[in-house]
Amino acid sequence: MEFKSILVRMPNWVGDLVMATPVLSDLRRAFPKASITAMCRTPLSELLKEDGAINELFRFTPPLSSFLRREELRDIIAKIRGGQFDLGVLLPNSFSSAWWFWQGGVKRRLGYASHFRSLLLTDPVPFPKERGKEHLVTTYKRVLGPLGIPVSDTRPRLYVSDREIEVSKELLYQRGYKRGQMLIGINPGAAYGSAKCWPPERYRALAKRLLERSDAAIVFFGDASSFQMVKEICQGLPERVMNLAGVTNLRELASLIKDCNVFVTNDSGPMHIADAFGVKIVALFGSTDECVTGPFGQPEAVINKKASCSPCFKRVCPIDFRCMKEIDVEEVAEKALELIRV
C-alpha cells in the first residue's frame, strides 16, 4: 500500500490539534516517500510550522458569514481538488469535513462514521468501544487502522526554533526577567468555560506563595478574552510576576512555554503545548476527565479531587464548584516547587 499525496484534516481546537500530532508522525513513518499535507484552520496552523513530518500546511479560514460562505467554500474545495490527494485522513468528526474531501476528489477517505457521513467515506471507521474511556490521543490513532497502522506509543510533539525562543524571550527581558532565572508559567484560563478553571483568587494566592518560597520569576499566560482576569490576578504583585495575557501569538506562546521550568494550568490547550515539549506540569482537573484529555506524557501531573459530580463536562458549574475549590493552594504550590527542585 503506497500513497503519493496524503491530506490530513486536523482538529479545530489547540489542545485537540496537539493531541493529534502523533497521527502525522505515524503516517510519516508508514509512508516515508509520500507528500503529507496538514489541513488546519488559521491561526492554529501556526503550531505546525517546523514540523518535519509534513511537507505542506494547507491553511484555511472558515467562512464568517452566509453571504461569503459559498465562494469561500468553493475556493477550499478547489484547493483540495488541485492537490490530487490519493489519501485523506479526517480527524474532526464533522459532516462538513467529509463533504469537503468528497467534493475535492480525495480518492481514499478515512474517518470515524459519525454525523451521517459514512456514505462520503471510503473507509468509515466505527467508533471504538473505548471511546470516552481512553485518551483522545489513542482515539485519534485508531483512525489509521484501515491502513494497517497499529496504535503506536508516539507522543504529541511540537517544534519551535532556537531563534523563536530567543526572540519570544525578549518579551520577558523587557519586563525584568533575568537570564538563567527559574521560570514558572501559569495559565489560569481555558477556552471551553469557567467550570474548567481554578478560581482566579487561588491563582493569585498561588503566585504569592511561590514568590515567598522561591526566587523564580512567574509569567501568566492567556488570550485576549482572559486579559482582564489575569490583570486582576497580577494587580499589585512584585515585578517578578509578568503578565503576557493577550500579548503573544501562538508561536510566541509555544516558545515561551517551552522555556518554562514548570507550568501550572487548567485543562487547556496550553497544557497540551507544555506536555508536547516535555515541560513539567501541574494540571488542575475537575469538570473534565484526565483519562481522556489529561497531559498524555505526564499522567502523574494531574491534581483531581474526584468530586462526586465529576466529571460533568459542563461549561459553567450549576452548583458549588466543589471539584475545583477542593484543590488547595498549598498543595499546588508544593507540587510546583517540588518540580523546580528536581
C-alpha atoms as a PDB file:
ATOM      1  CA  MET A   1       0.000   0.000   0.000  1.00  0.00           C
ATOM      2  CA  GLU A   2       1.566   3.276  -1.144  1.00  0.00           C
ATOM      3  CA  PHE A   3       0.278   6.823  -1.423  1.00  0.00           C
ATOM      4  CA  LYS A   4       1.848   9.743  -3.232  1.00  0.00           C
ATOM      5  CA  SER A   5      -0.126  12.568  -1.653  1.00  0.00           C
ATOM      6  CA  ILE A   6      -1.842  12.498   1.756  1.00  0.00           C
ATOM      7  CA  LEU A   7      -4.139  15.168   3.209  1.00  0.00           C
ATOM      8  CA  VAL A   8      -4.803  15.181   6.966  1.00  0.00           C
ATOM      9  CA  ARG A   9      -7.650  17.328   8.250  1.00  0.00           C
ATOM     10  CA  MET A  10      -6.507  18.401  11.714  1.00  0.00           C
ATOM     11  CA  PRO A  11      -8.811  19.192  14.679  1.00  0.00           C
ATOM     12  CA  ASN A  12     -10.149  22.687  15.338  1.00  0.00           C
ATOM     13  CA  TRP A  13      -9.008  23.350  18.923  1.00  0.00           C
ATOM     14  CA  VAL A  14      -5.487  23.971  20.211  1.00  0.00           C
ATOM     15  CA  GLY A  15      -5.437  21.056  22.639  1.00  0.00           C
ATOM     16  CA  ASP A  16      -7.033  18.640  20.174  1.00  0.00           C
ATOM     17  CA  LEU A  17      -4.610  19.717  17.468  1.00  0.00           C
ATOM     18  CA  VAL A  18      -1.630  18.971  19.704  1.00  0.00           C
ATOM     19  CA  MET A  19      -3.098  15.619  20.736  1.00  0.00           C
ATOM     20  CA  ALA A  20      -3.486  14.708  17.057  1.00  0.00           C
ATOM     21  CA  THR A  21       0.162  15.327  16.103  1.00  0.00           C
ATOM     22  CA  PRO A  22       1.132  11.652  16.640  1.00  0.00           C
ATOM     23  CA  VAL A  23      -1.053  10.805  13.633  1.00  0.00           C
ATOM     24  CA  LEU A  24       1.267  12.883  11.448  1.00  0.00           C
ATOM     25  CA  SER A  25       4.336  11.095  12.822  1.00  0.00           C
ATOM     26  CA  ASP A  26       2.769   7.675  12.353  1.00  0.00           C
ATOM     27  CA  LEU A  27       1.788   8.452   8.761  1.00  0.00           C
ATOM     28  CA  ARG A  28       5.297   9.688   8.000  1.00  0.00           C
ATOM     29  CA  ARG A  29       6.782   6.507   9.440  1.00  0.00           C
ATOM     30  CA  ALA A  30       4.390   4.309   7.417  1.00  0.00           C
ATOM     31  CA  PHE A  31       4.717   6.255   4.152  1.00  0.00           C
ATOM     32  CA  PRO A  32       8.176   7.873   4.115  1.00  0.00           C
ATOM     33  CA  LYS A  33       8.016   8.789   0.418  1.00  0.00           C
ATOM     34  CA  ALA A  34       4.568  10.376   0.470  1.00  0.00           C
ATOM     35  CA  SER A  35       3.889  14.103   0.429  1.00  0.00           C
ATOM     36  CA  ILE A  36       1.878  14.839   3.585  1.00  0.00           C
ATOM     37  CA  THR A  37      -0.229  17.980   3.865  1.00  0.00           C
ATOM     38  CA  ALA A  38      -1.807  19.067   7.153  1.00  0.00           C
ATOM     39  CA  MET A  39      -5.079  20.948   6.629  1.00  0.00           C
ATOM     40  CA  CYS A  40      -5.708  23.270   9.529  1.00  0.00           C
ATOM     41  CA  ARG A  41      -7.676  26.372  10.472  1.00  0.00           C
ATOM     42  CA  THR A  42      -5.860  29.640  10.940  1.00  0.00           C
ATOM     43  CA  PRO A  43      -4.325  30.651  13.281  1.00  0.00           C
ATOM     44  CA  LEU A  44      -3.978  27.134  14.742  1.00  0.00           C
ATOM     45  CA  SER A  45      -1.959  26.145  11.677  1.00  0.00           C
ATOM     46  CA  GLU A  46       0.955  28.185  13.040  1.00  0.00           C
ATOM     47  CA  LEU A  47       1.563  25.498  15.663  1.00  0.00           C
ATOM     48  CA  LEU A  48       2.544  23.023  12.936  1.00  0.00           C
ATOM     49  CA  LYS A  49       5.282  25.147  11.405  1.00  0.00           C
ATOM     50  CA  GLU A  50       8.713  23.498  11.672  1.00  0.00           C
ATOM     51  CA  ASP A  51       7.053  20.053  11.810  1.00  0.00           C
ATOM     52  CA  GLY A  52       9.274  17.689   9.858  1.00  0.00           C
ATOM     53  CA  ALA A  53       6.535  15.075   9.430  1.00  0.00           C
ATOM     54  CA  ILE A  54       4.649  17.252   6.938  1.00  0.00           C
ATOM     55  CA  ASN A  55       5.596  18.711   3.569  1.00  0.00           C
ATOM     56  CA  GLU A  56       2.972  21.427   3.415  1.00  0.00           C
ATOM     57  CA  LEU A  57       0.453  23.341   5.501  1.00  0.00           C
ATOM     58  CA  PHE A  58      -2.988  23.859   3.978  1.00  0.00           C
ATOM     59  CA  ARG A  59      -4.301  26.863   5.918  1.00  0.00           C
ATOM     60  CA  PHE A  60      -7.928  27.890   5.688  1.00  0.00           C
ATOM     61  CA  THR A  61     -10.298  30.269   7.419  1.00  0.00           C
ATOM     62  CA  PRO A  62     -13.901  29.111   7.927  1.00  0.00           C
ATOM     63  CA  PRO A  63     -16.429  31.434   6.294  1.00  0.00           C
ATOM     64  CA  LEU A  64     -17.676  34.066   8.731  1.00  0.00           C
ATOM     65  CA  SER A  65     -20.995  34.770   7.033  1.00  0.00           C
ATOM     66  CA  SER A  66     -23.505  33.013   4.805  1.00  0.00           C
ATOM     67  CA  PHE A  67     -23.014  35.761   2.197  1.00  0.00           C
ATOM     68  CA  LEU A  68     -19.371  34.799   1.713  1.00  0.00           C
ATOM     69  CA  ARG A  69     -19.745  31.115   2.534  1.00  0.00           C
ATOM     70  CA  ARG A  70     -20.425  29.739  -0.944  1.00  0.00           C
ATOM     71  CA  GLU A  71     -17.466  31.457  -2.602  1.00  0.00           C
ATOM     72  CA  GLU A  72     -15.026  30.644   0.208  1.00  0.00           C
ATOM     73  CA  LEU A  73     -16.080  27.010   0.339  1.00  0.00           C
ATOM     74  CA  ARG A  74     -15.672  26.786  -3.421  1.00  0.00           C
ATOM     75  CA  ASP A  75     -12.099  28.039  -3.042  1.00  0.00           C
ATOM     76  CA  ILE A  76     -11.330  25.495  -0.295  1.00  0.00           C
ATOM     77  CA  ILE A  77     -12.718  22.601  -2.312  1.00  0.00           C
ATOM     78  CA  ALA A  78     -10.867  23.764  -5.436  1.00  0.00           C
ATOM     79  CA  LYS A  79      -7.615  23.768  -3.498  1.00  0.00           C
ATOM     80  CA  ILE A  80      -8.270  20.233  -2.261  1.00  0.00           C
ATOM     81  CA  ARG A  81      -9.045  19.107  -5.803  1.00  0.00           C
ATOM     82  CA  GLY A  82      -5.875  20.743  -7.072  1.00  0.00           C
ATOM     83  CA  GLY A  83      -3.784  18.731  -4.633  1.00  0.00           C
ATOM     84  CA  GLN A  84      -4.844  15.452  -6.289  1.00  0.00           C
ATOM     85  CA  PHE A  85      -4.723  13.655  -2.969  1.00  0.00           C
ATOM     86  CA  ASP A  86      -4.983   9.876  -3.055  1.00  0.00           C
ATOM     87  CA  LEU A  87      -5.498   9.571   0.716  1.00  0.00           C
ATOM     88  CA  GLY A  88      -7.399  11.772   3.114  1.00  0.00           C
ATOM     89  CA  VAL A  89      -7.480  11.293   6.895  1.00  0.00           C
ATOM     90  CA  LEU A  90     -10.271  13.094   8.753  1.00  0.00           C
ATOM     91  CA  LEU A  91      -9.673  13.716  12.455  1.00  0.00           C
ATOM     92  CA  PRO A  92     -12.685  16.005  13.134  1.00  0.00           C
ATOM     93  CA  ASN A  93     -15.989  14.119  13.199  1.00  0.00           C
ATOM     94  CA  SER A  94     -17.976  16.769  11.327  1.00  0.00           C
ATOM     95  CA  PHE A  95     -20.098  16.120   8.255  1.00  0.00           C
ATOM     96  CA  SER A  96     -18.667  19.192   6.512  1.00  0.00           C
ATOM     97  CA  SER A  97     -15.062  17.961   6.651  1.00  0.00           C
ATOM     98  CA  ALA A  98     -16.039  14.686   4.946  1.00  0.00           C
ATOM     99  CA  TRP A  99     -18.090  16.565   2.369  1.00  0.00           C
ATOM    100  CA  TRP A 100     -15.100  18.771   1.505  1.00  0.00           C
ATOM    101  CA  PHE A 101     -12.902  15.717   0.920  1.00  0.00           C
ATOM    102  CA  TRP A 102     -15.586  14.031  -1.186  1.00  0.00           C
ATOM    103  CA  GLN A 103     -16.202  17.160  -3.246  1.00  0.00           C
ATOM    104  CA  GLY A 104     -12.437  17.681  -3.576  1.00  0.00           C
ATOM    105  CA  GLY A 105     -11.948  14.286  -5.187  1.00  0.00           C
ATOM    106  CA  VAL A 106      -9.746  12.744  -2.483  1.00  0.00           C
ATOM    107  CA  LYS A 107      -9.578   9.124  -3.639  1.00  0.00           C
ATOM    108  CA  ARG A 108      -9.490   7.293  -0.323  1.00  0.00           C
ATOM    109  CA  ARG A 109     -11.158   8.929   2.666  1.00  0.00           C
ATOM    110  CA  LEU A 110     -10.767   7.694   6.253  1.00  0.00           C
ATOM    111  CA  GLY A 111     -12.629   8.938   9.287  1.00  0.00           C
ATOM    112  CA  TYR A 112     -14.990   7.937  12.054  1.00  0.00           C
ATOM    113  CA  ALA A 113     -18.508   7.009  10.961  1.00  0.00           C
ATOM    114  CA  SER A 114     -20.395   9.870  12.596  1.00  0.00           C
ATOM    115  CA  HIS A 115     -22.870  12.627  11.733  1.00  0.00           C
ATOM    116  CA  PHE A 116     -24.391  10.647   8.823  1.00  0.00           C
ATOM    117  CA  ARG A 117     -21.189  10.930   6.785  1.00  0.00           C
ATOM    118  CA  SER A 118     -20.393   7.252   6.185  1.00  0.00           C
ATOM    119  CA  LEU A 119     -21.510   7.446   2.546  1.00  0.00           C
ATOM    120  CA  LEU A 120     -18.905  10.166   1.958  1.00  0.00           C
ATOM    121  CA  LEU A 121     -16.070   7.997   3.278  1.00  0.00           C
ATOM    122  CA  THR A 122     -14.414   5.092   1.516  1.00  0.00           C
ATOM    123  CA  ASP A 123     -13.287   3.752   4.900  1.00  0.00           C
ATOM    124  CA  PRO A 124     -15.796   4.677   7.604  1.00  0.00           C
ATOM    125  CA  VAL A 125     -14.251   3.619  10.912  1.00  0.00           C
ATOM    126  CA  PRO A 126     -16.659   2.618  13.710  1.00  0.00           C
ATOM    127  CA  PHE A 127     -16.080   4.463  16.966  1.00  0.00           C
ATOM    128  CA  PRO A 128     -14.036   2.238  19.288  1.00  0.00           C
ATOM    129  CA  LYS A 129     -15.781   0.810  22.336  1.00  0.00           C
ATOM    130  CA  GLU A 130     -13.038   2.508  24.373  1.00  0.00           C
ATOM    131  CA  ARG A 131     -14.090   5.965  23.181  1.00  0.00           C
ATOM    132  CA  GLY A 132     -14.607   8.291  26.125  1.00  0.00           C
ATOM    133  CA  LYS A 133     -12.627   5.978  28.398  1.00  0.00           C
ATOM    134  CA  GLU A 134      -9.249   6.073  26.668  1.00  0.00           C
ATOM    135  CA  HIS A 135      -7.035   9.062  25.956  1.00  0.00           C
ATOM    136  CA  LEU A 136      -8.035  11.125  22.938  1.00  0.00           C
ATOM    137  CA  VAL A 137      -4.503  10.696  21.550  1.00  0.00           C
ATOM    138  CA  THR A 138      -5.223   6.965  21.250  1.00  0.00           C
ATOM    139  CA  THR A 139      -8.666   7.530  19.737  1.00  0.00           C
ATOM    140  CA  TYR A 140      -7.122   9.690  17.017  1.00  0.00           C
ATOM    141  CA  LYS A 141      -4.542   6.994  16.254  1.00  0.00           C
ATOM    142  CA  ARG A 142      -7.241   4.354  15.769  1.00  0.00           C
ATOM    143  CA  VAL A 143      -8.449   6.169  12.643  1.00  0.00           C
ATOM    144  CA  LEU A 144      -5.349   4.799  10.883  1.00  0.00           C
ATOM    145  CA  GLY A 145      -6.448   1.193  11.450  1.00  0.00           C
ATOM    146  CA  PRO A 146      -7.702   0.597   7.866  1.00  0.00           C
ATOM    147  CA  LEU A 147      -4.180   1.449   6.641  1.00  0.00           C
ATOM    148  CA  GLY A 148      -2.665  -1.328   8.711  1.00  0.00           C
ATOM    149  CA  ILE A 149      -1.031   1.169  11.064  1.00  0.00           C
ATOM    150  CA  PRO A 150      -1.306  -0.115  14.649  1.00  0.00           C
ATOM    151  CA  VAL A 151      -1.826   2.151  17.646  1.00  0.00           C
ATOM    152  CA  SER A 152       1.667   3.400  18.434  1.00  0.00           C
ATOM    153  CA  ASP A 153       3.330   4.807  21.538  1.00  0.00           C
ATOM    154  CA  THR A 154       4.096   8.063  19.698  1.00  0.00           C
ATOM    155  CA  ARG A 155       3.648  11.100  21.930  1.00  0.00           C
ATOM    156  CA  PRO A 156       2.307  14.543  20.968  1.00  0.00           C
ATOM    157  CA  ARG A 157       5.083  16.921  19.940  1.00  0.00           C
ATOM    158  CA  LEU A 158       5.608  20.445  18.643  1.00  0.00           C
ATOM    159  CA  TYR A 159       8.628  22.245  17.269  1.00  0.00           C
ATOM    160  CA  VAL A 160       9.995  25.753  17.641  1.00  0.00           C
ATOM    161  CA  SER A 161      13.382  27.054  16.556  1.00  0.00           C
ATOM    162  CA  ASP A 162      16.108  28.340  18.863  1.00  0.00           C
ATOM    163  CA  ARG A 163      15.704  31.709  17.183  1.00  0.00           C
ATOM    164  CA  GLU A 164      11.990  31.796  18.012  1.00  0.00           C
ATOM    165  CA  ILE A 165      12.737  31.027  21.654  1.00  0.00           C
ATOM    166  CA  GLU A 166      15.283  33.820  21.887  1.00  0.00           C
ATOM    167  CA  VAL A 167      13.015  36.345  20.170  1.00  0.00           C
ATOM    168  CA  SER A 168       9.993  35.473  22.317  1.00  0.00           C
ATOM    169  CA  LYS A 169      12.082  35.771  25.490  1.00  0.00           C
ATOM    170  CA  GLU A 170      12.622  39.403  24.637  1.00  0.00           C
ATOM    171  CA  LEU A 171       9.061  39.858  25.881  1.00  0.00           C
ATOM    172  CA  LEU A 172      10.282  38.674  29.294  1.00  0.00           C
ATOM    173  CA  TYR A 173      13.535  40.618  29.264  1.00  0.00           C
ATOM    174  CA  GLN A 174      11.563  43.802  28.622  1.00  0.00           C
ATOM    175  CA  ARG A 175       9.650  43.082  31.833  1.00  0.00           C
ATOM    176  CA  GLY A 176      12.703  42.495  34.000  1.00  0.00           C
ATOM    177  CA  TYR A 177      13.298  38.758  33.578  1.00  0.00           C
ATOM    178  CA  LYS A 178      16.946  37.823  34.109  1.00  0.00           C
ATOM    179  CA  ARG A 179      18.774  35.252  32.004  1.00  0.00           C
ATOM    180  CA  GLY A 180      19.111  31.939  33.806  1.00  0.00           C
ATOM    181  CA  GLN A 181      16.317  32.695  36.274  1.00  0.00           C
ATOM    182  CA  MET A 182      13.897  29.854  37.023  1.00  0.00           C
ATOM    183  CA  LEU A 183      10.597  30.441  35.226  1.00  0.00           C
ATOM    184  CA  ILE A 184       7.161  29.280  36.369  1.00  0.00           C
ATOM    185  CA  GLY A 185       4.395  29.585  33.791  1.00  0.00           C
ATOM    186  CA  ILE A 186       0.772  29.879  34.895  1.00  0.00           C
ATOM    187  CA  ASN A 187      -2.260  29.553  32.648  1.00  0.00           C
ATOM    188  CA  PRO A 188      -5.433  30.440  34.622  1.00  0.00           C
ATOM    189  CA  GLY A 189      -7.922  30.301  31.744  1.00  0.00           C
ATOM    190  CA  ALA A 190      -9.500  27.682  29.468  1.00  0.00           C
ATOM    191  CA  ALA A 191     -11.419  28.071  26.234  1.00  0.00           C
ATOM    192  CA  TYR A 192     -14.330  25.742  26.997  1.00  0.00           C
ATOM    193  CA  GLY A 193     -15.672  27.579  30.031  1.00  0.00           C
ATOM    194  CA  SER A 194     -15.252  28.602  33.657  1.00  0.00           C
ATOM    195  CA  ALA A 195     -16.083  25.129  35.002  1.00  0.00           C
ATOM    196  CA  LYS A 196     -12.589  24.006  33.961  1.00  0.00           C
ATOM    197  CA  CYS A 197     -10.855  26.868  35.768  1.00  0.00           C
ATOM    198  CA  TRP A 198      -9.451  27.043  39.282  1.00  0.00           C
ATOM    199  CA  PRO A 199     -10.753  30.296  40.849  1.00  0.00           C
ATOM    200  CA  PRO A 200      -8.674  33.416  39.986  1.00  0.00           C
ATOM    201  CA  GLU A 201      -8.147  34.261  43.660  1.00  0.00           C
ATOM    202  CA  ARG A 202      -6.496  30.854  44.120  1.00  0.00           C
ATOM    203  CA  TYR A 203      -4.056  31.621  41.308  1.00  0.00           C
ATOM    204  CA  ARG A 204      -3.229  34.952  42.940  1.00  0.00           C
ATOM    205  CA  ALA A 205      -2.634  33.220  46.278  1.00  0.00           C
ATOM    206  CA  LEU A 206      -0.513  30.619  44.491  1.00  0.00           C
ATOM    207  CA  ALA A 207       1.669  33.310  42.919  1.00  0.00           C
ATOM    208  CA  LYS A 208       2.243  34.893  46.337  1.00  0.00           C
ATOM    209  CA  ARG A 209       3.171  31.532  47.852  1.00  0.00           C
ATOM    210  CA  LEU A 210       5.630  30.768  45.039  1.00  0.00           C
ATOM    211  CA  LEU A 211       7.249  34.198  45.378  1.00  0.00           C
ATOM    212  CA  GLU A 212       7.715  33.688  49.113  1.00  0.00           C
ATOM    213  CA  ARG A 213       9.318  30.278  48.751  1.00  0.00           C
ATOM    214  CA  SER A 214      11.459  30.620  45.618  1.00  0.00           C
ATOM    215  CA  ASP A 215      13.497  33.109  43.593  1.00  0.00           C
ATOM    216  CA  ALA A 216      11.709  32.131  40.393  1.00  0.00           C
ATOM    217  CA  ALA A 217      10.020  34.542  38.024  1.00  0.00           C
ATOM    218  CA  ILE A 218       6.360  33.916  37.251  1.00  0.00           C
ATOM    219  CA  VAL A 219       4.739  34.552  33.903  1.00  0.00           C
ATOM    220  CA  PHE A 220       0.966  34.475  33.408  1.00  0.00           C
ATOM    221  CA  PHE A 221      -0.390  33.487  30.001  1.00  0.00           C
ATOM    222  CA  GLY A 222      -3.812  33.907  28.450  1.00  0.00           C
ATOM    223  CA  ASP A 223      -5.652  35.022  25.340  1.00  0.00           C
ATOM    224  CA  ALA A 224      -7.426  38.322  24.800  1.00  0.00           C
ATOM    225  CA  SER A 225     -10.602  37.059  26.461  1.00  0.00           C
ATOM    226  CA  SER A 226      -8.764  36.358  29.725  1.00  0.00           C
ATOM    227  CA  PHE A 227      -6.802  39.614  29.739  1.00  0.00           C
ATOM    228  CA  GLN A 228      -8.921  41.345  32.401  1.00  0.00           C
ATOM    229  CA  MET A 229      -8.946  38.310  34.698  1.00  0.00           C
ATOM    230  CA  VAL A 230      -5.164  37.933  34.526  1.00  0.00           C
ATOM    231  CA  LYS A 231      -4.712  41.674  35.040  1.00  0.00           C
ATOM    232  CA  GLU A 232      -6.702  41.456  38.271  1.00  0.00           C
ATOM    233  CA  ILE A 233      -4.724  38.404  39.418  1.00  0.00           C
ATOM    234  CA  CYS A 234      -1.424  40.227  38.870  1.00  0.00           C
ATOM    235  CA  GLN A 235      -2.534  43.583  40.310  1.00  0.00           C
ATOM    236  CA  GLY A 236      -0.063  44.743  42.973  1.00  0.00           C
ATOM    237  CA  LEU A 237       2.201  41.683  42.768  1.00  0.00           C
ATOM    238  CA  PRO A 238       6.005  42.189  42.613  1.00  0.00           C
ATOM    239  CA  GLU A 239       7.946  42.728  39.377  1.00  0.00           C
ATOM    240  CA  ARG A 240       8.907  39.061  39.306  1.00  0.00           C
ATOM    241  CA  VAL A 241       5.324  38.428  38.145  1.00  0.00           C
ATOM    242  CA  MET A 242       4.815  39.152  34.444  1.00  0.00           C
ATOM    243  CA  ASN A 243       1.500  39.331  32.612  1.00  0.00           C
ATOM    244  CA  LEU A 244       1.566  38.235  28.954  1.00  0.00           C
ATOM    245  CA  ALA A 245      -2.176  37.604  28.592  1.00  0.00           C
ATOM    246  CA  GLY A 246      -3.342  38.780  25.182  1.00  0.00           C
ATOM    247  CA  VAL A 247       0.206  39.742  24.180  1.00  0.00           C
ATOM    248  CA  THR A 248       1.562  36.622  22.443  1.00  0.00           C
ATOM    249  CA  ASN A 249       0.664  34.891  19.208  1.00  0.00           C
ATOM    250  CA  LEU A 250       0.601  31.084  19.147  1.00  0.00           C
ATOM    251  CA  ARG A 251       4.230  30.665  18.098  1.00  0.00           C
ATOM    252  CA  GLU A 252       5.400  33.051  20.815  1.00  0.00           C
ATOM    253  CA  LEU A 253       3.197  31.315  23.366  1.00  0.00           C
ATOM    254  CA  ALA A 254       4.633  27.917  22.429  1.00  0.00           C
ATOM    255  CA  SER A 255       8.213  29.217  22.535  1.00  0.00           C
ATOM    256  CA  LEU A 256       7.737  30.769  25.976  1.00  0.00           C
ATOM    257  CA  ILE A 257       6.004  27.704  27.394  1.00  0.00           C
ATOM    258  CA  LYS A 258       8.870  25.542  26.144  1.00  0.00           C
ATOM    259  CA  ASP A 259      11.282  27.654  28.166  1.00  0.00           C
ATOM    260  CA  CYS A 260       9.329  27.320  31.430  1.00  0.00           C
ATOM    261  CA  ASN A 261      10.737  25.114  34.173  1.00  0.00           C
ATOM    262  CA  VAL A 262       7.236  24.362  35.483  1.00  0.00           C
ATOM    263  CA  PHE A 263       3.793  25.079  34.057  1.00  0.00           C
ATOM    264  CA  VAL A 264       0.676  25.311  36.269  1.00  0.00           C
ATOM    265  CA  THR A 265      -2.537  25.114  34.302  1.00  0.00           C
ATOM    266  CA  ASN A 266      -6.176  24.128  33.998  1.00  0.00           C
ATOM    267  CA  ASP A 267      -7.232  21.526  31.425  1.00  0.00           C
ATOM    268  CA  SER A 268      -6.477  23.658  28.358  1.00  0.00           C
ATOM    269  CA  GLY A 269      -4.699  23.968  25.030  1.00  0.00           C
ATOM    270  CA  PRO A 270      -1.573  25.482  26.627  1.00  0.00           C
ATOM    271  CA  MET A 271      -1.428  22.454  28.948  1.00  0.00           C
ATOM    272  CA  HIS A 272      -1.062  20.203  25.900  1.00  0.00           C
ATOM    273  CA  ILE A 273       1.526  22.543  24.390  1.00  0.00           C
ATOM    274  CA  ALA A 274       3.600  22.226  27.567  1.00  0.00           C
ATOM    275  CA  ASP A 275       3.218  18.446  27.541  1.00  0.00           C
ATOM    276  CA  ALA A 276       4.296  18.258  23.893  1.00  0.00           C
ATOM    277  CA  PHE A 277       7.569  19.962  24.855  1.00  0.00           C
ATOM    278  CA  GLY A 278       8.067  17.807  27.943  1.00  0.00           C
ATOM    279  CA  VAL A 279       7.763  20.792  30.289  1.00  0.00           C
ATOM    280  CA  LYS A 280       6.955  19.739  33.867  1.00  0.00           C
ATOM    281  CA  ILE A 281       3.259  20.334  34.533  1.00  0.00           C
ATOM    282  CA  VAL A 282       0.887  20.761  37.433  1.00  0.00           C
ATOM    283  CA  ALA A 283      -2.542  20.212  35.850  1.00  0.00           C
ATOM    284  CA  LEU A 284      -5.743  21.034  37.756  1.00  0.00           C
ATOM    285  CA  PHE A 285      -8.781  18.953  36.790  1.00  0.00           C
ATOM    286  CA  GLY A 286     -12.353  18.860  37.993  1.00  0.00           C
ATOM    287  CA  SER A 287     -15.166  19.038  35.443  1.00  0.00           C
ATOM    288  CA  THR A 288     -13.273  17.068  32.783  1.00  0.00           C
ATOM    289  CA  ASP A 289     -11.657  13.633  32.690  1.00  0.00           C
ATOM    290  CA  GLU A 290      -7.853  13.425  32.720  1.00  0.00           C
ATOM    291  CA  CYS A 291      -8.062   9.873  31.387  1.00  0.00           C
ATOM    292  CA  VAL A 292      -9.321  11.357  28.107  1.00  0.00           C
ATOM    293  CA  THR A 293      -7.769  14.833  27.860  1.00  0.00           C
ATOM    294  CA  GLY A 294      -5.057  14.907  30.510  1.00  0.00           C
ATOM    295  CA  PRO A 295      -1.385  15.560  29.705  1.00  0.00           C
ATOM    296  CA  PHE A 296      -0.608  12.412  27.708  1.00  0.00           C
ATOM    297  CA  GLY A 297       3.039  12.171  28.683  1.00  0.00           C
ATOM    298  CA  GLN A 298       2.585  13.149  32.339  1.00  0.00           C
ATOM    299  CA  PRO A 299      -0.448  11.488  33.932  1.00  0.00           C
ATOM    300  CA  GLU A 300       1.181  11.991  37.332  1.00  0.00           C
ATOM    301  CA  ALA A 301       0.950  15.774  36.821  1.00  0.00           C
ATOM    302  CA  VAL A 302      -2.802  15.867  37.461  1.00  0.00           C
ATOM    303  CA  ILE A 303      -4.461  17.060  40.667  1.00  0.00           C
ATOM    304  CA  ASN A 304      -8.093  15.953  40.717  1.00  0.00           C
ATOM    305  CA  LYS A 305     -10.143  15.673  43.912  1.00  0.00           C
ATOM    306  CA  LYS A 306     -12.684  13.380  42.215  1.00  0.00           C
ATOM    307  CA  ALA A 307     -15.811  15.147  43.453  1.00  0.00           C
ATOM    308  CA  SER A 308     -18.953  13.018  43.326  1.00  0.00           C
ATOM    309  CA  CYS A 309     -20.360  15.124  40.461  1.00  0.00           C
ATOM    310  CA  SER A 310     -17.130  14.992  38.426  1.00  0.00           C
ATOM    311  CA  PRO A 311     -16.595  14.791  35.527  1.00  0.00           C
ATOM    312  CA  CYS A 312     -19.692  16.696  34.429  1.00  0.00           C
ATOM    313  CA  PHE A 313     -18.227  18.299  31.256  1.00  0.00           C
ATOM    314  CA  LYS A 314     -20.330  21.426  31.792  1.00  0.00           C
ATOM    315  CA  ARG A 315     -19.171  24.864  30.722  1.00  0.00           C
ATOM    316  CA  VAL A 316     -20.381  26.534  33.928  1.00  0.00           C
ATOM    317  CA  CYS A 317     -20.808  24.814  37.290  1.00  0.00           C
ATOM    318  CA  PRO A 318     -24.534  24.776  38.231  1.00  0.00           C
ATOM    319  CA  ILE A 319     -23.892  24.132  41.931  1.00  0.00           C
ATOM    320  CA  ASP A 320     -20.991  24.927  44.306  1.00  0.00           C
ATOM    321  CA  PHE A 321     -17.896  24.290  42.128  1.00  0.00           C
ATOM    322  CA  ARG A 322     -16.639  21.782  44.682  1.00  0.00           C
ATOM    323  CA  CYS A 323     -14.405  19.907  42.203  1.00  0.00           C
ATOM    324  CA  MET A 324     -12.026  22.864  41.839  1.00  0.00           C
ATOM    325  CA  LYS A 325     -12.500  24.551  45.204  1.00  0.00           C
ATOM    326  CA  GLU A 326     -11.324  21.399  46.949  1.00  0.00           C
ATOM    327  CA  ILE A 327      -7.895  21.852  45.342  1.00  0.00           C
ATOM    328  CA  ASP A 328      -5.806  23.620  47.966  1.00  0.00           C
ATOM    329  CA  VAL A 329      -3.309  26.407  47.189  1.00  0.00           C
ATOM    330  CA  GLU A 330      -0.648  24.834  49.388  1.00  0.00           C
ATOM    331  CA  GLU A 331      -0.902  21.503  47.572  1.00  0.00           C
ATOM    332  CA  VAL A 332      -0.426  23.137  44.172  1.00  0.00           C
ATOM    333  CA  ALA A 333       2.428  25.319  45.414  1.00  0.00           C
ATOM    334  CA  GLU A 334       4.252  22.389  46.981  1.00  0.00           C
ATOM    335  CA  LYS A 335       3.930  20.293  43.836  1.00  0.00           C
ATOM    336  CA  ALA A 336       5.225  23.129  41.647  1.00  0.00           C
ATOM    337  CA  LEU A 337       8.155  23.843  43.992  1.00  0.00           C
ATOM    338  CA  GLU A 338       8.998  20.144  44.153  1.00  0.00           C
ATOM    339  CA  LEU A 339       9.239  20.029  40.360  1.00  0.00           C
ATOM    340  CA  ILE A 340      11.571  23.044  40.367  1.00  0.00           C
ATOM    341  CA  ARG A 341      13.834  21.319  42.874  1.00  0.00           C
ATOM    342  CA  VAL A 342      14.035  18.057  40.884  1.00  0.00           C
END
